[in-house]
Amino acid sequence: KSWTDRDRNSSVTEFILEGLTNHQELQIPLFFLFLGFYVVTVVGILSLITLTGLNSHLHNPTYFFLYNLSFIDFCYSTVITPKMLMSFVSTKNIISYAGCMTQLFFFTFFAVSESFILSAMAYDCYVTICNPLVYTATMSPQVCLPILLGLYVMGFARAMAHTACMGRLTFCANNLVDHFRCDILPHLERSCTSTYVNELVVFVVVGIDIGVPTATIFISYGRSKAFSTCSSHIIAVSLFFGSGAFMYLKPSSLLPMNLGKVSSLFYTIVVPILNPLIYSLRNKDIKIAMKKTLSKKSFS
């Protein structure tokens, strides 16, 4: 057989993730930079989760969704960042096929769950401002729990769809993937079989997962006239959905992989670090809860 035939008949058992950059002089500085980002993200998220859990006046639908957003951000960051950090200090950042599919599944699950919980939070904001008299009935536990369950089910279904589509492919012997994590589009470039179905699923499913929450968020904020008071939240939401759309909804021929990696940084690294800052530093209830918690510790 020719080399091409052998290459096409090979199926890899592991991938080598190329990482964020090939410049050796940048590896250590980038390692400490993103390690710092990850530490700040985890500390911010865990602080927000702790404050929400310990303070009874935060046990309402708004902070119920915020608690779950924080949990999703924590898992989301932990799925991606540790493996990314390894690429800066390893000669070869190897990940097994099973490990790669697992990372892809959980990344998709938490990313989709985040997109829909952001829309649920926007709707909660709309009801708070526009229909305060019926807020308790409209956002009761009997309503919020099914909403939360529904968005996790959608995340699970999307993750299964993308992972199953990836599992049907045969990958070539060249297992070097030009990315810092296991993602759909970079891996499609290493496939020896047709990727038409995968690309169609990505375009349709990601289009829905970005389009529907984005429309819900902007309609909710527009009707509640909350753009001025929620400007920082809207910036974070725009970064999350904008960078995701830039990555997945443009033809791959128009998006060099280096730009794709930069775009990925926004929705995998930047947004999770922004969310705790946005919902704590500019939130009066969180500030009050923080003062109460700190005063209790000082008193004890």
Protein backbone atom coordinates (compact mmCIF):
# COMPACT_ATOMS: atom_id res chain seq x y z
CA LYS A 1 0.00 0.00 0.00
CA SER A 2 1.03 3.58 -0.56
CA TRP A 3 1.69 5.92 2.35
CA THR A 4 -1.61 7.69 1.59
CA ASP A 5 -3.53 4.41 1.88
CA ARG A 6 -1.83 3.51 5.18
CA ASP A 7 -2.47 7.02 6.48
CA ARG A 8 -6.17 6.85 5.61
CA ASN A 9 -6.60 3.44 7.20
CA SER A 10 -5.02 4.52 10.47
CA SER A 11 -7.17 5.40 13.46
CA VAL A 12 -5.47 7.31 16.24
CA THR A 13 -5.67 6.36 19.92
CA GLU A 14 -4.38 9.72 21.17
CA PHE A 15 -4.00 13.32 20.08
CA ILE A 16 -1.21 15.84 20.54
CA LEU A 17 -2.57 19.30 21.37
CA GLU A 18 -0.31 21.94 19.85
CA GLY A 19 -1.30 24.57 22.41
CA LEU A 20 -1.85 28.28 22.19
CA THR A 21 1.49 29.21 20.61
CA ASN A 22 4.69 27.63 19.29
CA HIS A 23 6.94 30.41 20.58
CA GLN A 24 9.05 28.82 23.33
CA GLU A 25 9.93 32.13 24.99
CA LEU A 26 6.21 32.75 25.66
CA GLN A 27 5.41 29.38 27.24
CA ILE A 28 6.39 30.14 30.86
CA PRO A 29 4.96 33.71 30.95
CA LEU A 30 1.69 32.41 29.48
CA PHE A 31 1.62 29.56 31.98
CA PHE A 32 1.76 31.97 34.93
CA LEU A 33 -0.68 34.39 33.25
CA PHE A 34 -3.38 31.76 32.71
CA LEU A 35 -2.64 30.11 36.05
CA GLY A 36 -3.35 33.50 37.63
CA PHE A 37 -6.57 33.81 35.63
CA TYR A 38 -7.65 30.35 36.76
CA VAL A 39 -6.90 31.03 40.44
CA VAL A 40 -8.82 34.33 40.33
CA THR A 41 -11.72 32.61 38.56
CA VAL A 42 -11.92 29.73 41.05
CA VAL A 43 -11.59 32.00 44.11
CA GLY A 44 -14.23 34.38 42.74
CA ILE A 45 -16.65 31.61 41.85
CA LEU A 46 -16.27 29.69 45.12
CA SER A 47 -16.66 32.93 47.09
CA LEU A 48 -19.89 33.70 45.21
CA ILE A 49 -21.20 30.16 45.78
CA THR A 50 -20.32 30.34 49.49
CA LEU A 51 -21.95 33.75 49.98
CA THR A 52 -25.10 32.65 48.18
CA GLY A 53 -25.32 29.47 50.25
CA LEU A 54 -24.65 31.06 53.66
CA ASN A 55 -26.94 34.11 53.42
CA SER A 56 -30.65 33.36 53.64
CA HIS A 57 -31.69 36.70 52.08
CA LEU A 58 -30.02 35.50 48.85
CA HIS A 59 -32.20 32.38 48.69
CA ASN A 60 -34.44 33.62 45.90
CA PRO A 61 -34.79 32.83 42.15
CA THR A 62 -32.25 35.45 41.05
CA TYR A 63 -29.49 33.99 43.19
CA PHE A 64 -30.67 30.44 42.57
CA PHE A 65 -29.76 30.94 38.92
CA LEU A 66 -26.59 32.84 39.85
CA TYR A 67 -25.54 29.96 42.12
CA ASN A 68 -25.94 27.54 39.21
CA LEU A 69 -24.16 29.88 36.79
CA SER A 70 -21.23 29.97 39.20
CA PHE A 71 -21.23 26.18 39.46
CA ILE A 72 -21.27 25.88 35.65
CA ASP A 73 -18.43 28.41 35.29
CA PHE A 74 -16.34 26.51 37.83
CA CYS A 75 -16.82 23.19 36.01
CA TYR A 76 -16.42 24.87 32.64
CA SER A 77 -13.05 26.38 33.60
CA THR A 78 -11.84 23.19 35.26
CA VAL A 79 -12.59 21.11 32.16
CA ILE A 80 -10.42 23.38 29.98
CA THR A 81 -7.77 25.31 31.90
CA PRO A 82 -5.67 22.58 33.66
CA LYS A 83 -5.08 20.76 30.36
CA MET A 84 -4.29 24.07 28.69
CA LEU A 85 -1.71 24.86 31.39
CA MET A 86 0.00 21.54 30.70
CA SER A 87 0.59 22.58 27.10
CA PHE A 88 2.84 25.42 28.31
CA VAL A 89 5.15 23.16 30.34
CA SER A 90 5.02 19.86 28.41
CA THR A 91 7.14 18.93 25.43
CA LYS A 92 4.13 17.07 24.03
CA ASN A 93 0.68 17.73 25.43
CA ILE A 94 -0.81 14.28 24.78
CA ILE A 95 -4.44 13.40 25.45
CA SER A 96 -5.98 9.99 24.84
CA TYR A 97 -8.85 9.58 22.39
CA ALA A 98 -11.22 8.75 25.26
CA GLY A 99 -9.92 11.70 27.30
CA CYS A 100 -10.39 14.00 24.32
CA MET A 101 -13.99 12.90 23.73
CA THR A 102 -14.67 13.26 27.47
CA GLN A 103 -13.33 16.82 27.48
CA LEU A 104 -15.37 17.65 24.38
CA PHE A 105 -18.54 16.23 25.97
CA PHE A 106 -18.23 18.17 29.23
CA PHE A 107 -17.10 21.36 27.49
CA THR A 108 -20.19 21.24 25.26
CA PHE A 109 -22.47 20.30 28.15
CA PHE A 110 -21.40 23.24 30.32
CA ALA A 111 -21.15 25.73 27.43
CA VAL A 112 -24.71 25.03 26.27
CA SER A 113 -26.01 25.00 29.86
CA GLU A 114 -24.39 28.41 30.41
CA SER A 115 -25.95 29.88 27.29
CA PHE A 116 -29.45 28.91 28.42
CA ILE A 117 -29.01 29.83 32.09
CA LEU A 118 -27.96 33.32 30.96
CA SER A 119 -31.27 33.62 29.12
CA ALA A 120 -33.14 32.38 32.22
CA MET A 121 -31.41 35.07 34.29
CA ALA A 122 -32.38 37.72 31.73
CA TYR A 123 -36.02 36.59 31.92
CA ASP A 124 -35.83 36.72 35.72
CA CYS A 125 -34.56 40.31 35.42
CA TYR A 126 -37.46 41.16 33.08
CA VAL A 127 -40.07 39.77 35.50
CA THR A 128 -38.42 41.55 38.46
CA ILE A 129 -38.60 44.96 36.77
CA CYS A 130 -41.77 44.71 34.67
CA ASN A 131 -44.03 42.46 36.77
CA PRO A 132 -42.87 42.79 40.39
CA LEU A 133 -46.34 42.10 41.82
CA VAL A 134 -46.49 38.63 40.27
CA TYR A 135 -42.76 37.88 40.59
CA THR A 136 -43.17 35.38 43.44
CA ALA A 137 -45.78 33.37 41.54
CA THR A 138 -44.07 33.66 38.15
CA MET A 139 -40.62 32.64 39.43
CA SER A 140 -41.71 30.14 42.07
CA PRO A 141 -39.65 26.99 42.81
CA GLN A 142 -42.23 25.03 40.78
CA VAL A 143 -41.19 27.16 37.77
CA CYS A 144 -37.45 27.61 38.41
CA LEU A 145 -36.62 23.94 39.03
CA PRO A 146 -38.10 22.72 35.70
CA ILE A 147 -36.31 25.59 33.90
CA LEU A 148 -33.01 24.53 35.47
CA LEU A 149 -33.64 20.86 34.70
CA GLY A 150 -34.58 21.76 31.13
CA LEU A 151 -31.41 23.73 30.45
CA TYR A 152 -29.23 20.91 31.82
CA VAL A 153 -31.13 18.42 29.64
CA MET A 154 -30.49 20.62 26.60
CA GLY A 155 -26.81 20.78 27.51
CA PHE A 156 -26.67 16.99 27.83
CA ALA A 157 -28.50 16.45 24.52
CA ARG A 158 -26.20 18.84 22.63
CA ALA A 159 -23.09 17.27 24.18
CA MET A 160 -24.28 13.79 23.19
CA ALA A 161 -25.02 14.96 19.64
CA HIS A 162 -21.60 16.53 19.07
CA THR A 163 -19.67 13.71 20.76
CA ALA A 164 -21.58 11.02 18.87
CA CYS A 165 -20.94 12.78 15.56
CA MET A 166 -17.25 13.01 16.41
CA GLY A 167 -17.18 9.33 17.35
CA ARG A 168 -18.30 8.26 13.87
CA LEU A 169 -15.19 9.75 12.26
CA THR A 170 -11.92 8.00 11.46
CA PHE A 171 -8.88 10.12 12.19
CA CYS A 172 -5.68 10.09 10.15
CA ALA A 173 -2.27 9.07 11.47
CA ASN A 174 -1.30 12.75 11.75
CA ASN A 175 -2.73 13.32 15.24
CA LEU A 176 -1.31 16.81 15.88
CA VAL A 177 -4.27 19.12 16.61
CA ASP A 178 -3.72 22.86 16.24
CA HIS A 179 -5.52 23.90 19.42
CA PHE A 180 -5.10 24.06 23.20
CA ARG A 181 -8.12 21.83 23.88
CA CYS A 182 -10.28 19.20 22.22
CA ASP A 183 -12.70 21.10 20.05
CA ILE A 184 -14.92 20.16 17.14
CA LEU A 185 -13.55 22.15 14.21
CA PRO A 186 -9.79 21.51 14.73
CA HIS A 187 -10.47 17.76 14.98
CA LEU A 188 -12.55 17.75 11.81
CA GLU A 189 -9.40 18.81 9.97
CA ARG A 190 -7.75 15.53 11.06
CA SER A 191 -10.58 13.33 9.83
CA CYS A 192 -10.04 10.88 6.95
CA THR A 193 -13.81 10.51 6.45
CA SER A 194 -16.47 12.97 5.34
CA THR A 195 -17.26 15.66 7.89
CA TYR A 196 -20.35 17.02 6.14
CA VAL A 197 -22.79 15.70 8.78
CA ASN A 198 -20.61 17.07 11.60
CA GLU A 199 -20.40 20.51 10.02
CA LEU A 200 -24.16 20.55 9.43
CA VAL A 201 -24.86 19.57 13.05
CA VAL A 202 -22.46 22.25 14.30
CA PHE A 203 -24.05 24.96 12.16
CA VAL A 204 -27.66 24.06 13.05
CA VAL A 205 -27.22 23.21 16.73
CA VAL A 206 -24.80 26.03 17.57
CA GLY A 207 -26.98 28.45 15.61
CA ILE A 208 -29.93 27.52 17.85
CA ASP A 209 -27.86 27.51 21.05
CA ILE A 210 -26.56 31.00 20.31
CA GLY A 211 -29.55 32.51 18.50
CA VAL A 212 -32.34 31.57 20.91
CA PRO A 213 -30.61 32.67 24.16
CA THR A 214 -29.28 35.86 22.53
CA ALA A 215 -32.76 36.83 21.32
CA THR A 216 -34.26 36.00 24.74
CA ILE A 217 -31.63 38.06 26.58
CA PHE A 218 -31.87 41.16 24.43
CA ILE A 219 -35.67 41.07 24.26
CA SER A 220 -35.87 40.67 28.06
CA TYR A 221 -33.44 43.51 28.74
CA GLY A 222 -35.02 45.68 26.07
CA ARG A 223 -38.56 45.27 27.40
CA SER A 224 -37.41 45.85 30.98
CA LYS A 225 -35.27 48.83 29.88
CA ALA A 226 -32.38 47.32 31.83
CA PHE A 227 -29.63 48.02 29.30
CA SER A 228 -28.22 50.90 31.32
CA THR A 229 -28.25 49.08 34.67
CA CYS A 230 -27.02 45.75 33.24
CA SER A 231 -24.42 47.10 30.81
CA SER A 232 -21.54 45.07 32.30
CA HIS A 233 -23.61 41.87 32.14
CA ILE A 234 -24.51 42.60 28.52
CA ILE A 235 -20.82 43.08 27.67
CA ALA A 236 -19.98 39.66 29.18
CA VAL A 237 -22.92 38.04 27.37
CA SER A 238 -21.88 39.66 24.08
CA LEU A 239 -18.32 38.37 24.51
CA PHE A 240 -19.58 34.86 25.26
CA PHE A 241 -22.02 34.58 22.36
CA GLY A 242 -20.08 36.78 19.94
CA SER A 243 -16.84 34.82 20.24
CA GLY A 244 -18.78 31.54 20.03
CA ALA A 245 -20.54 32.65 16.85
CA PHE A 246 -17.25 33.87 15.38
CA MET A 247 -15.70 30.46 16.06
CA TYR A 248 -18.48 28.10 14.97
CA LEU A 249 -20.80 29.92 12.58
CA LYS A 250 -18.24 31.15 10.05
CA PRO A 251 -16.96 28.93 7.22
CA SER A 252 -13.72 27.29 8.38
CA SER A 253 -12.00 28.49 5.21
CA LEU A 254 -12.54 32.09 6.33
CA LEU A 255 -11.23 31.55 9.87
CA PRO A 256 -7.53 30.73 10.33
CA MET A 257 -7.05 28.40 13.32
CA ASN A 258 -4.89 30.98 15.13
CA LEU A 259 -7.84 33.37 15.17
CA GLY A 260 -10.06 30.50 16.27
CA LYS A 261 -7.81 29.86 19.27
CA VAL A 262 -7.91 33.53 20.24
CA SER A 263 -11.69 33.54 19.88
CA SER A 264 -11.89 30.43 22.09
CA LEU A 265 -10.03 32.26 24.86
CA PHE A 266 -12.91 34.70 25.26
CA TYR A 267 -15.62 32.14 25.99
CA THR A 268 -13.40 29.66 27.85
CA ILE A 269 -11.18 31.97 29.95
CA VAL A 270 -12.37 35.60 29.87
CA VAL A 271 -16.12 35.16 30.49
CA PRO A 272 -15.75 32.81 33.51
CA ILE A 273 -13.39 35.31 35.14
CA LEU A 274 -15.72 38.23 34.38
CA ASN A 275 -18.94 36.69 35.72
CA PRO A 276 -17.97 36.62 39.44
CA LEU A 277 -16.64 40.19 39.17
CA ILE A 278 -19.78 41.46 37.43
CA TYR A 279 -22.19 39.78 39.85
CA SER A 280 -20.29 40.69 43.01
CA LEU A 281 -18.61 44.07 42.59
CA ARG A 282 -21.70 45.71 41.07
CA ASN A 283 -24.29 43.90 43.18
CA LYS A 284 -25.59 45.54 46.34
CA ASP A 285 -27.03 42.33 47.82
CA ILE A 286 -23.73 40.47 47.36
CA LYS A 287 -21.82 43.35 48.97
CA ILE A 288 -24.18 43.28 51.98
CA ALA A 289 -23.82 39.50 52.24
CA MET A 290 -20.05 39.81 52.08
CA LYS A 291 -20.02 42.42 54.89
CA LYS A 292 -22.30 40.23 57.04
CA THR A 293 -20.14 37.15 56.48
CA LEU A 294 -16.93 39.02 57.20
CA SER A 295 -18.42 40.65 60.33
CA LYS A 296 -19.52 37.23 61.62
CA LYS A 297 -16.01 35.87 61.14
CA SER A 298 -14.51 38.91 62.88
CA PHE A 299 -16.96 38.59 65.77
CA SER A 300 -16.29 34.88 66.19
